[in-house]
Amino acid sequence: MNAAQSIDKEYEPFFAMARERNVIFYYVGYFSQNIIAAMSDAVRLQLAVSGVDGATRRKLFSSFVEMAQNIVHYSSDALTSPTPESEQQRGQLRHGSVCISMVDEHYRLMCSNPVATVRVHQLRATLEPLRTMTLDEIKQAYKQTLRAEAPEGSKGAGLGFLTMARDASAPLEYNFQPIDTDPGSTMFQLVATI
């Protein structure tokens, strides 16, 4: 058995599980604006080749980009150190994961990344109301947020969660898990069903 065959055998369970769970796209590692751009090209092409209709493709792509941007802006696991320059100028690299799969005739987008534990309350306070709002209420909140000033510490004026909630066919799901090895960070998981 050569080295390539050995590697194939080692990862065979992973690929089998990915096929079984209808994984369309999966990435775990460091995110940057350049990496998001490359992943966006791959996701856009994969969705087009898969025959996903235009409206669904737009919603999937928009939510995917929002999730990836949230990782770049808010993951507490940064490979690069902060500087006074803007994140895009300094090529910020932050860790997280994103996955797109097909579950019961719906697309499921998932992302996960560590966030500063002090932000958990704020995130929960932002996400929980979205779970009970109607589509019309979400659209109204989106319009109001467009007109409002960005909240302090926000890099997207709070539109990302509203965009995902607007495009989702079910309420956004989220979870926070403490990280035993790093009490200053909490693992944040977000799921959008399209």
N, C-alpha and C. Protein backbone atom coordinates (compact mmCIF):
# COMPACT_ATOMS: atom_id res chain seq x y z
N MET A 1 0.84 -1.17 0.00
CA MET A 1 0.00 0.00 0.00
C MET A 1 0.90 1.24 0.00
N ASN A 2 0.64 2.16 -0.95
CA ASN A 2 1.44 3.38 -0.99
C ASN A 2 0.87 4.43 -0.04
N ALA A 3 1.57 5.56 0.10
CA ALA A 3 1.19 6.59 1.06
C ALA A 3 -0.19 7.17 0.75
N ALA A 4 -0.51 7.38 -0.52
CA ALA A 4 -1.81 7.94 -0.91
C ALA A 4 -2.94 6.99 -0.50
N GLN A 5 -2.75 5.69 -0.70
CA GLN A 5 -3.77 4.72 -0.32
C GLN A 5 -3.94 4.69 1.19
N SER A 6 -2.85 4.84 1.92
CA SER A 6 -2.91 4.86 3.37
C SER A 6 -3.72 6.06 3.87
N ILE A 7 -3.49 7.21 3.26
CA ILE A 7 -4.23 8.42 3.63
C ILE A 7 -5.70 8.24 3.30
N ASP A 8 -6.00 7.69 2.12
CA ASP A 8 -7.40 7.46 1.75
C ASP A 8 -8.09 6.58 2.78
N LYS A 9 -7.46 5.53 3.24
CA LYS A 9 -8.05 4.63 4.24
C LYS A 9 -8.28 5.35 5.56
N GLU A 10 -7.32 6.19 5.93
CA GLU A 10 -7.41 6.91 7.20
C GLU A 10 -8.61 7.86 7.22
N TYR A 11 -8.87 8.53 6.10
CA TYR A 11 -9.93 9.52 6.05
C TYR A 11 -11.24 8.97 5.49
N GLU A 12 -11.27 7.73 5.11
CA GLU A 12 -12.46 7.13 4.54
C GLU A 12 -13.69 7.29 5.44
N PRO A 13 -13.58 7.06 6.76
CA PRO A 13 -14.77 7.27 7.61
C PRO A 13 -15.29 8.70 7.57
N PHE A 14 -14.38 9.68 7.50
CA PHE A 14 -14.79 11.08 7.43
C PHE A 14 -15.57 11.34 6.14
N PHE A 15 -15.04 10.87 5.00
CA PHE A 15 -15.71 11.10 3.72
C PHE A 15 -17.04 10.36 3.66
N ALA A 16 -17.10 9.16 4.22
CA ALA A 16 -18.34 8.39 4.24
C ALA A 16 -19.40 9.14 5.07
N MET A 17 -19.00 9.67 6.22
CA MET A 17 -19.92 10.41 7.06
C MET A 17 -20.38 11.69 6.36
N ALA A 18 -19.47 12.37 5.67
CA ALA A 18 -19.84 13.58 4.94
C ALA A 18 -20.86 13.27 3.84
N ARG A 19 -20.65 12.18 3.11
CA ARG A 19 -21.62 11.77 2.08
C ARG A 19 -22.96 11.41 2.71
N GLU A 20 -22.91 10.64 3.79
CA GLU A 20 -24.12 10.20 4.47
C GLU A 20 -24.94 11.38 4.98
N ARG A 21 -24.26 12.41 5.44
CA ARG A 21 -24.95 13.59 5.98
C ARG A 21 -25.15 14.68 4.93
N ASN A 22 -24.91 14.36 3.66
CA ASN A 22 -25.12 15.28 2.55
C ASN A 22 -24.40 16.61 2.73
N VAL A 23 -23.13 16.54 3.14
CA VAL A 23 -22.33 17.75 3.31
C VAL A 23 -21.94 18.29 1.94
N ILE A 24 -22.28 19.54 1.70
CA ILE A 24 -21.97 20.20 0.43
C ILE A 24 -20.65 20.95 0.54
N PHE A 25 -20.44 21.57 1.71
CA PHE A 25 -19.22 22.35 1.91
C PHE A 25 -18.88 22.33 3.40
N TYR A 26 -17.59 22.20 3.71
CA TYR A 26 -17.15 22.22 5.10
C TYR A 26 -15.74 22.81 5.16
N TYR A 27 -15.55 23.71 6.10
CA TYR A 27 -14.22 24.29 6.31
C TYR A 27 -14.04 24.54 7.80
N VAL A 28 -12.90 24.15 8.30
CA VAL A 28 -12.51 24.49 9.66
C VAL A 28 -11.08 25.00 9.59
N GLY A 29 -10.82 26.11 10.25
CA GLY A 29 -9.49 26.69 10.22
C GLY A 29 -9.57 28.18 10.43
N TYR A 30 -8.56 28.87 9.96
CA TYR A 30 -8.52 30.32 10.12
C TYR A 30 -9.21 31.00 8.95
N PHE A 31 -9.98 32.02 9.28
CA PHE A 31 -10.74 32.80 8.30
C PHE A 31 -10.09 34.17 8.16
N SER A 32 -10.08 34.67 6.93
CA SER A 32 -9.67 36.04 6.63
C SER A 32 -10.56 36.50 5.48
N GLN A 33 -10.48 37.77 5.14
CA GLN A 33 -11.27 38.26 4.01
C GLN A 33 -10.89 37.52 2.72
N ASN A 34 -9.60 37.26 2.51
CA ASN A 34 -9.17 36.55 1.30
C ASN A 34 -9.68 35.11 1.29
N ILE A 35 -9.66 34.45 2.44
CA ILE A 35 -10.14 33.08 2.52
C ILE A 35 -11.65 33.04 2.28
N ILE A 36 -12.38 34.02 2.83
CA ILE A 36 -13.82 34.08 2.60
C ILE A 36 -14.12 34.26 1.11
N ALA A 37 -13.35 35.10 0.45
CA ALA A 37 -13.55 35.32 -1.00
C ALA A 37 -13.34 34.02 -1.77
N ALA A 38 -12.30 33.28 -1.44
CA ALA A 38 -12.04 32.00 -2.13
C ALA A 38 -13.14 30.98 -1.83
N MET A 39 -13.54 30.89 -0.55
CA MET A 39 -14.61 29.96 -0.19
C MET A 39 -15.92 30.35 -0.88
N SER A 40 -16.19 31.64 -0.97
CA SER A 40 -17.42 32.11 -1.61
C SER A 40 -17.48 31.67 -3.06
N ASP A 41 -16.35 31.74 -3.76
CA ASP A 41 -16.31 31.26 -5.15
C ASP A 41 -16.65 29.77 -5.21
N ALA A 42 -16.07 28.99 -4.30
CA ALA A 42 -16.32 27.54 -4.28
C ALA A 42 -17.78 27.24 -3.94
N VAL A 43 -18.32 27.93 -2.95
CA VAL A 43 -19.72 27.71 -2.56
C VAL A 43 -20.65 28.10 -3.69
N ARG A 44 -20.43 29.25 -4.29
CA ARG A 44 -21.27 29.71 -5.40
C ARG A 44 -21.28 28.68 -6.53
N LEU A 45 -20.12 28.18 -6.90
CA LEU A 45 -20.03 27.20 -7.97
C LEU A 45 -20.69 25.88 -7.58
N GLN A 46 -20.44 25.42 -6.35
CA GLN A 46 -21.03 24.16 -5.88
C GLN A 46 -22.55 24.23 -5.89
N LEU A 47 -23.12 25.34 -5.47
CA LEU A 47 -24.58 25.48 -5.45
C LEU A 47 -25.14 25.53 -6.86
N ALA A 48 -24.44 26.21 -7.77
CA ALA A 48 -24.89 26.27 -9.16
C ALA A 48 -24.85 24.89 -9.81
N VAL A 49 -23.74 24.17 -9.61
CA VAL A 49 -23.58 22.84 -10.18
C VAL A 49 -24.60 21.86 -9.60
N SER A 50 -24.96 22.06 -8.33
CA SER A 50 -25.92 21.18 -7.67
C SER A 50 -27.35 21.43 -8.13
N GLY A 51 -27.56 22.48 -8.92
CA GLY A 51 -28.90 22.75 -9.44
C GLY A 51 -29.82 23.45 -8.46
N VAL A 52 -29.27 24.13 -7.46
CA VAL A 52 -30.09 24.85 -6.49
C VAL A 52 -30.72 26.06 -7.20
N ASP A 53 -32.03 26.26 -6.99
CA ASP A 53 -32.71 27.37 -7.67
C ASP A 53 -32.15 28.71 -7.22
N GLY A 54 -32.35 29.72 -8.05
CA GLY A 54 -31.74 31.03 -7.84
C GLY A 54 -32.06 31.68 -6.50
N ALA A 55 -33.33 31.66 -6.08
CA ALA A 55 -33.71 32.30 -4.81
C ALA A 55 -33.06 31.60 -3.63
N THR A 56 -33.06 30.29 -3.64
CA THR A 56 -32.44 29.52 -2.56
C THR A 56 -30.94 29.73 -2.55
N ARG A 57 -30.34 29.76 -3.74
CA ARG A 57 -28.89 30.00 -3.85
C ARG A 57 -28.52 31.34 -3.23
N ARG A 58 -29.32 32.37 -3.52
CA ARG A 58 -29.05 33.70 -2.98
C ARG A 58 -29.11 33.69 -1.45
N LYS A 59 -30.13 33.04 -0.89
CA LYS A 59 -30.28 32.97 0.56
C LYS A 59 -29.13 32.19 1.20
N LEU A 60 -28.79 31.06 0.60
CA LEU A 60 -27.68 30.25 1.12
C LEU A 60 -26.38 31.03 1.09
N PHE A 61 -26.11 31.65 -0.04
CA PHE A 61 -24.86 32.37 -0.21
C PHE A 61 -24.79 33.55 0.77
N SER A 62 -25.87 34.29 0.88
CA SER A 62 -25.91 35.45 1.78
C SER A 62 -25.67 35.02 3.23
N SER A 63 -26.34 33.95 3.67
CA SER A 63 -26.16 33.47 5.04
C SER A 63 -24.76 32.92 5.26
N PHE A 64 -24.22 32.23 4.26
CA PHE A 64 -22.86 31.72 4.35
C PHE A 64 -21.87 32.86 4.57
N VAL A 65 -21.99 33.92 3.78
CA VAL A 65 -21.08 35.06 3.90
C VAL A 65 -21.23 35.72 5.26
N GLU A 66 -22.47 35.87 5.74
CA GLU A 66 -22.69 36.47 7.07
C GLU A 66 -22.01 35.65 8.16
N MET A 67 -22.15 34.33 8.09
CA MET A 67 -21.52 33.47 9.10
C MET A 67 -20.01 33.60 9.06
N ALA A 68 -19.45 33.57 7.86
CA ALA A 68 -17.99 33.68 7.72
C ALA A 68 -17.49 35.04 8.21
N GLN A 69 -18.23 36.10 7.89
CA GLN A 69 -17.84 37.44 8.35
C GLN A 69 -17.89 37.53 9.87
N ASN A 70 -18.91 36.91 10.48
CA ASN A 70 -18.99 36.93 11.95
C ASN A 70 -17.77 36.27 12.56
N ILE A 71 -17.28 35.20 11.94
CA ILE A 71 -16.08 34.54 12.45
C ILE A 71 -14.88 35.49 12.38
N VAL A 72 -14.71 36.14 11.24
CA VAL A 72 -13.58 37.07 11.06
C VAL A 72 -13.66 38.22 12.05
N HIS A 73 -14.87 38.71 12.31
CA HIS A 73 -15.02 39.87 13.19
C HIS A 73 -15.02 39.54 14.68
N TYR A 74 -15.54 38.37 15.05
CA TYR A 74 -15.81 38.14 16.47
C TYR A 74 -15.16 36.91 17.10
N SER A 75 -14.54 36.03 16.33
CA SER A 75 -13.90 34.87 16.94
C SER A 75 -12.83 35.34 17.92
N SER A 76 -12.81 34.75 19.10
CA SER A 76 -11.81 35.15 20.10
C SER A 76 -10.48 34.43 19.89
N ASP A 77 -10.43 33.51 18.94
CA ASP A 77 -9.19 32.79 18.63
C ASP A 77 -8.55 33.43 17.40
N ALA A 78 -7.72 34.44 17.64
CA ALA A 78 -7.08 35.18 16.55
C ALA A 78 -5.63 34.75 16.41
N LEU A 79 -5.21 34.51 15.18
CA LEU A 79 -3.83 34.14 14.90
C LEU A 79 -2.95 35.39 14.82
N THR A 80 -3.57 36.50 14.46
CA THR A 80 -2.84 37.76 14.34
C THR A 80 -3.14 38.63 15.55
N SER A 81 -2.19 39.45 15.94
CA SER A 81 -2.41 40.31 17.10
C SER A 81 -3.09 41.61 16.68
N PRO A 82 -3.89 42.19 17.58
CA PRO A 82 -4.59 43.43 17.24
C PRO A 82 -3.62 44.59 17.06
N THR A 83 -3.96 45.45 16.13
CA THR A 83 -3.20 46.68 15.88
C THR A 83 -4.21 47.80 15.67
N PRO A 84 -3.78 49.05 15.66
CA PRO A 84 -4.73 50.16 15.44
C PRO A 84 -5.35 50.18 14.05
N GLU A 85 -4.75 49.49 13.09
CA GLU A 85 -5.27 49.49 11.73
C GLU A 85 -6.56 48.69 11.65
N SER A 86 -7.31 48.89 10.58
CA SER A 86 -8.56 48.13 10.41
C SER A 86 -8.23 46.66 10.19
N GLU A 87 -9.20 45.80 10.51
CA GLU A 87 -8.98 44.35 10.37
C GLU A 87 -8.65 43.96 8.94
N GLN A 88 -9.35 44.57 7.97
CA GLN A 88 -9.08 44.20 6.58
C GLN A 88 -7.66 44.59 6.19
N GLN A 89 -7.18 45.74 6.65
CA GLN A 89 -5.84 46.18 6.29
C GLN A 89 -4.78 45.27 6.89
N ARG A 90 -5.02 44.76 8.08
CA ARG A 90 -3.98 43.95 8.71
C ARG A 90 -4.15 42.46 8.43
N GLY A 91 -5.16 42.07 7.64
CA GLY A 91 -5.32 40.66 7.29
C GLY A 91 -5.64 39.79 8.48
N GLN A 92 -6.59 40.21 9.30
CA GLN A 92 -6.96 39.47 10.50
C GLN A 92 -7.28 38.01 10.18
N LEU A 93 -6.74 37.10 10.98
CA LEU A 93 -7.01 35.67 10.85
C LEU A 93 -7.63 35.17 12.14
N ARG A 94 -8.86 34.66 12.05
CA ARG A 94 -9.56 34.16 13.24
C ARG A 94 -10.14 32.79 12.96
N HIS A 95 -10.15 31.96 14.00
CA HIS A 95 -10.51 30.54 13.85
C HIS A 95 -12.00 30.29 13.99
N GLY A 96 -12.49 29.34 13.19
CA GLY A 96 -13.88 28.92 13.26
C GLY A 96 -14.15 27.83 12.25
N SER A 97 -15.42 27.47 12.11
CA SER A 97 -15.79 26.46 11.11
C SER A 97 -17.15 26.82 10.54
N VAL A 98 -17.38 26.37 9.32
CA VAL A 98 -18.66 26.57 8.65
C VAL A 98 -18.97 25.33 7.84
N CYS A 99 -20.26 24.97 7.79
CA CYS A 99 -20.68 23.76 7.09
C CYS A 99 -22.03 24.01 6.42
N ILE A 100 -22.18 23.50 5.20
CA ILE A 100 -23.46 23.53 4.50
C ILE A 100 -23.81 22.08 4.19
N SER A 101 -25.02 21.68 4.57
CA SER A 101 -25.46 20.31 4.28
C SER A 101 -26.93 20.33 3.91
N MET A 102 -27.40 19.19 3.40
CA MET A 102 -28.80 19.03 3.04
C MET A 102 -29.43 18.10 4.07
N VAL A 103 -30.50 18.56 4.74
CA VAL A 103 -31.18 17.78 5.76
C VAL A 103 -32.69 17.87 5.51
N ASP A 104 -33.31 16.73 5.27
CA ASP A 104 -34.77 16.68 5.08
C ASP A 104 -35.27 17.72 4.09
N GLU A 105 -34.70 17.77 2.91
CA GLU A 105 -35.13 18.67 1.84
C GLU A 105 -34.84 20.15 2.11
N HIS A 106 -34.10 20.44 3.16
CA HIS A 106 -33.71 21.82 3.47
C HIS A 106 -32.18 21.89 3.57
N TYR A 107 -31.66 23.08 3.31
CA TYR A 107 -30.23 23.30 3.48
C TYR A 107 -30.01 23.79 4.91
N ARG A 108 -28.93 23.31 5.50
CA ARG A 108 -28.60 23.65 6.88
C ARG A 108 -27.20 24.25 6.88
N LEU A 109 -27.10 25.49 7.31
CA LEU A 109 -25.81 26.16 7.44
C LEU A 109 -25.46 26.21 8.92
N MET A 110 -24.24 25.82 9.23
CA MET A 110 -23.80 25.81 10.62
C MET A 110 -22.45 26.50 10.70
N CYS A 111 -22.25 27.25 11.76
CA CYS A 111 -20.93 27.80 12.01
C CYS A 111 -20.64 27.70 13.50
N SER A 112 -19.37 27.68 13.80
CA SER A 112 -18.94 27.56 15.19
C SER A 112 -17.62 28.29 15.35
N ASN A 113 -17.53 29.05 16.43
CA ASN A 113 -16.27 29.73 16.74
C ASN A 113 -16.29 30.18 18.19
N PRO A 114 -15.11 30.32 18.79
CA PRO A 114 -15.08 30.84 20.15
C PRO A 114 -15.34 32.34 20.15
N VAL A 115 -16.06 32.80 21.17
CA VAL A 115 -16.28 34.23 21.36
C VAL A 115 -15.89 34.57 22.80
N ALA A 116 -15.61 35.82 23.04
CA ALA A 116 -15.30 36.25 24.40
C ALA A 116 -16.52 35.98 25.28
N THR A 117 -16.31 35.35 26.40
CA THR A 117 -17.40 34.99 27.30
C THR A 117 -18.24 36.20 27.70
N VAL A 118 -17.62 37.37 27.81
CA VAL A 118 -18.37 38.58 28.18
C VAL A 118 -19.38 38.98 27.10
N ARG A 119 -19.28 38.45 25.89
CA ARG A 119 -20.22 38.77 24.80
C ARG A 119 -21.43 37.84 24.76
N VAL A 120 -21.41 36.75 25.52
CA VAL A 120 -22.48 35.75 25.43
C VAL A 120 -23.84 36.36 25.74
N HIS A 121 -23.94 37.15 26.80
CA HIS A 121 -25.22 37.76 27.16
C HIS A 121 -25.75 38.63 26.02
N GLN A 122 -24.89 39.44 25.42
CA GLN A 122 -25.28 40.32 24.32
C GLN A 122 -25.74 39.50 23.11
N LEU A 123 -25.01 38.45 22.78
CA LEU A 123 -25.40 37.61 21.65
C LEU A 123 -26.76 36.95 21.90
N ARG A 124 -26.94 36.41 23.09
CA ARG A 124 -28.21 35.77 23.43
C ARG A 124 -29.36 36.78 23.36
N ALA A 125 -29.12 37.99 23.85
CA ALA A 125 -30.15 39.04 23.84
C ALA A 125 -30.50 39.47 22.41
N THR A 126 -29.56 39.34 21.49
CA THR A 126 -29.80 39.67 20.09
C THR A 126 -30.52 38.53 19.37
N LEU A 127 -30.10 37.30 19.64
CA LEU A 127 -30.63 36.15 18.90
C LEU A 127 -32.00 35.67 19.38
N GLU A 128 -32.23 35.68 20.68
CA GLU A 128 -33.46 35.10 21.21
C GLU A 128 -34.73 35.77 20.65
N PRO A 129 -34.80 37.10 20.58
CA PRO A 129 -36.02 37.71 20.01
C PRO A 129 -36.26 37.31 18.55
N LEU A 130 -35.19 37.08 17.80
CA LEU A 130 -35.34 36.68 16.39
C LEU A 130 -36.07 35.35 16.25
N ARG A 131 -35.97 34.51 17.25
CA ARG A 131 -36.59 33.18 17.19
C ARG A 131 -38.12 33.25 17.23
N THR A 132 -38.68 34.33 17.76
CA THR A 132 -40.13 34.43 17.88
C THR A 132 -40.74 35.48 16.96
N MET A 133 -39.91 36.22 16.26
CA MET A 133 -40.42 37.26 15.36
C MET A 133 -40.98 36.65 14.09
N THR A 134 -42.01 37.30 13.53
CA THR A 134 -42.54 36.90 12.23
C THR A 134 -41.61 37.42 11.14
N LEU A 135 -41.78 36.94 9.93
CA LEU A 135 -40.96 37.42 8.81
C LEU A 135 -41.15 38.92 8.62
N ASP A 136 -42.39 39.40 8.73
CA ASP A 136 -42.63 40.84 8.58
C ASP A 136 -41.93 41.64 9.67
N GLU A 137 -41.92 41.14 10.90
CA GLU A 137 -41.23 41.82 11.99
C GLU A 137 -39.72 41.83 11.75
N ILE A 138 -39.20 40.74 11.22
CA ILE A 138 -37.76 40.68 10.91
C ILE A 138 -37.41 41.69 9.82
N LYS A 139 -38.25 41.78 8.78
CA LYS A 139 -38.01 42.74 7.70
C LYS A 139 -38.07 44.17 8.22
N GLN A 140 -39.02 44.45 9.10
CA GLN A 140 -39.14 45.79 9.69
C GLN A 140 -37.91 46.11 10.53
N ALA A 141 -37.47 45.16 11.35
CA ALA A 141 -36.28 45.37 12.18
C ALA A 141 -35.05 45.59 11.29
N TYR A 142 -34.98 44.88 10.16
CA TYR A 142 -33.87 45.04 9.21
C TYR A 142 -33.85 46.48 8.69
N LYS A 143 -35.01 46.99 8.28
CA LYS A 143 -35.08 48.36 7.76
C LYS A 143 -34.69 49.38 8.83
N GLN A 144 -35.16 49.18 10.05
CA GLN A 144 -34.82 50.09 11.14
C GLN A 144 -33.32 50.06 11.44
N THR A 145 -32.74 48.87 11.39
CA THR A 145 -31.31 48.73 11.66
C THR A 145 -30.48 49.41 10.58
N LEU A 146 -30.95 49.35 9.33
CA LEU A 146 -30.25 50.03 8.24
C LEU A 146 -30.16 51.53 8.50
N ARG A 147 -31.22 52.09 9.08
CA ARG A 147 -31.27 53.54 9.33
C ARG A 147 -30.54 53.94 10.61
N ALA A 148 -30.36 53.01 11.52
CA ALA A 148 -29.76 53.32 12.82
C ALA A 148 -28.24 53.31 12.74
N GLU A 149 -27.61 53.89 13.75
CA GLU A 149 -26.15 53.84 13.84
C GLU A 149 -25.72 52.48 14.38
N ALA A 150 -24.55 52.06 14.00
CA ALA A 150 -24.02 50.76 14.45
C ALA A 150 -23.81 50.79 15.95
N PRO A 151 -24.22 49.72 16.64
CA PRO A 151 -23.98 49.64 18.09
C PRO A 151 -22.48 49.63 18.37
N GLU A 152 -22.09 50.12 19.55
CA GLU A 152 -20.69 50.15 19.93
C GLU A 152 -20.12 48.73 19.93
N GLY A 153 -18.96 48.55 19.30
CA GLY A 153 -18.32 47.24 19.25
C GLY A 153 -18.80 46.37 18.10
N SER A 154 -19.81 46.83 17.36
CA SER A 154 -20.33 46.05 16.25
C SER A 154 -19.59 46.44 14.97
N LYS A 155 -19.33 45.45 14.15
CA LYS A 155 -18.62 45.72 12.90
C LYS A 155 -19.55 45.60 11.70
N GLY A 156 -20.82 45.28 11.93
CA GLY A 156 -21.75 45.13 10.83
C GLY A 156 -23.10 45.76 11.11
N ALA A 157 -23.21 46.61 12.10
CA ALA A 157 -24.44 47.31 12.46
C ALA A 157 -25.55 46.36 12.89
N GLY A 158 -25.23 45.08 13.13
CA GLY A 158 -26.23 44.12 13.60
C GLY A 158 -27.09 43.54 12.50
N LEU A 159 -26.74 43.75 11.26
CA LEU A 159 -27.56 43.26 10.14
C LEU A 159 -27.38 41.78 9.85
N GLY A 160 -26.25 41.20 10.24
CA GLY A 160 -25.97 39.81 9.88
C GLY A 160 -26.99 38.82 10.39
N PHE A 161 -27.33 38.87 11.67
CA PHE A 161 -28.31 37.94 12.23
C PHE A 161 -29.69 38.19 11.62
N LEU A 162 -30.03 39.46 11.39
CA LEU A 162 -31.31 39.78 10.76
C LEU A 162 -31.37 39.23 9.34
N THR A 163 -30.27 39.34 8.61
CA THR A 163 -30.21 38.81 7.25
C THR A 163 -30.44 37.30 7.26
N MET A 164 -29.74 36.61 8.17
CA MET A 164 -29.91 35.15 8.25
C MET A 164 -31.32 34.77 8.68
N ALA A 165 -31.89 35.48 9.65
CA ALA A 165 -33.25 35.19 10.12
C ALA A 165 -34.26 35.44 9.01
N ARG A 166 -34.05 36.49 8.23
CA ARG A 166 -34.95 36.83 7.12
C ARG A 166 -34.95 35.73 6.06
N ASP A 167 -33.77 35.18 5.78
CA ASP A 167 -33.64 34.19 4.72
C ASP A 167 -33.95 32.76 5.17
N ALA A 168 -34.00 32.53 6.47
CA ALA A 168 -34.19 31.17 6.99
C ALA A 168 -35.66 30.74 6.89
N SER A 169 -35.86 29.43 6.78
CA SER A 169 -37.22 28.88 6.73
C SER A 169 -37.68 28.40 8.10
N ALA A 170 -36.82 28.52 9.10
CA ALA A 170 -37.12 28.14 10.48
C ALA A 170 -36.34 29.09 11.38
N PRO A 171 -36.73 29.20 12.65
CA PRO A 171 -35.98 30.09 13.55
C PRO A 171 -34.50 29.68 13.63
N LEU A 172 -33.63 30.68 13.75
CA LEU A 172 -32.21 30.41 13.93
C LEU A 172 -32.03 29.62 15.22
N GLU A 173 -31.08 28.69 15.20
CA GLU A 173 -30.75 27.92 16.40
C GLU A 173 -29.35 28.36 16.83
N TYR A 174 -29.13 28.37 18.14
CA TYR A 174 -27.81 28.74 18.63
C TYR A 174 -27.53 28.01 19.93
N ASN A 175 -26.25 27.97 20.26
CA ASN A 175 -25.83 27.30 21.49
C ASN A 175 -24.51 27.92 21.95
N PHE A 176 -24.33 27.94 23.26
CA PHE A 176 -23.07 28.40 23.85
C PHE A 176 -22.55 27.28 24.74
N GLN A 177 -21.27 26.95 24.59
CA GLN A 177 -20.65 25.92 25.42
C GLN A 177 -19.37 26.49 26.03
N PRO A 178 -19.26 26.41 27.35
CA PRO A 178 -18.01 26.88 27.99
C PRO A 178 -16.82 26.07 27.48
N ILE A 179 -15.68 26.72 27.43
CA ILE A 179 -14.44 26.05 27.03
C ILE A 179 -13.61 25.88 28.30
N ASP A 180 -13.47 24.65 28.74
CA ASP A 180 -12.79 24.37 30.02
C ASP A 180 -11.37 24.93 30.06
N THR A 181 -10.67 24.84 28.94
CA THR A 181 -9.27 25.26 28.91
C THR A 181 -9.10 26.77 28.77
N ASP A 182 -10.21 27.49 28.49
CA ASP A 182 -10.14 28.93 28.30
C ASP A 182 -11.42 29.58 28.82
N PRO A 183 -11.51 29.86 30.13
CA PRO A 183 -12.74 30.43 30.69
C PRO A 183 -13.10 31.80 30.11
N GLY A 184 -12.17 32.49 29.50
CA GLY A 184 -12.45 33.79 28.88
C GLY A 184 -13.15 33.67 27.55
N SER A 185 -13.25 32.43 27.02
CA SER A 185 -13.92 32.20 25.75
C SER A 185 -15.01 31.16 25.91
N THR A 186 -16.02 31.26 25.06
CA THR A 186 -17.15 30.34 25.03
C THR A 186 -17.37 29.95 23.56
N MET A 187 -17.63 28.66 23.31
CA MET A 187 -17.87 28.22 21.94
C MET A 187 -19.30 28.60 21.54
N PHE A 188 -19.42 29.34 20.45
CA PHE A 188 -20.70 29.81 19.93
C PHE A 188 -21.02 29.01 18.68
N GLN A 189 -22.20 28.43 18.63
CA GLN A 189 -22.65 27.67 17.46
C GLN A 189 -23.96 28.27 16.97
N LEU A 190 -24.07 28.43 15.66
CA LEU A 190 -25.24 29.02 15.05
C LEU A 190 -25.67 28.15 13.88
N VAL A 191 -26.99 27.94 13.75
CA VAL A 191 -27.54 27.13 12.66
C VAL A 191 -28.67 27.89 12.00
N ALA A 192 -28.63 27.95 10.67
CA ALA A 192 -29.71 28.53 9.89
C ALA A 192 -30.21 27.47 8.91
N THR A 193 -31.51 27.29 8.85
CA THR A 193 -32.12 26.34 7.91
C THR A 193 -32.76 27.15 6.78
N ILE A 194 -32.38 26.82 5.55
CA ILE A 194 -32.88 27.54 4.38
C ILE A 194 -33.75 26.60 3.56
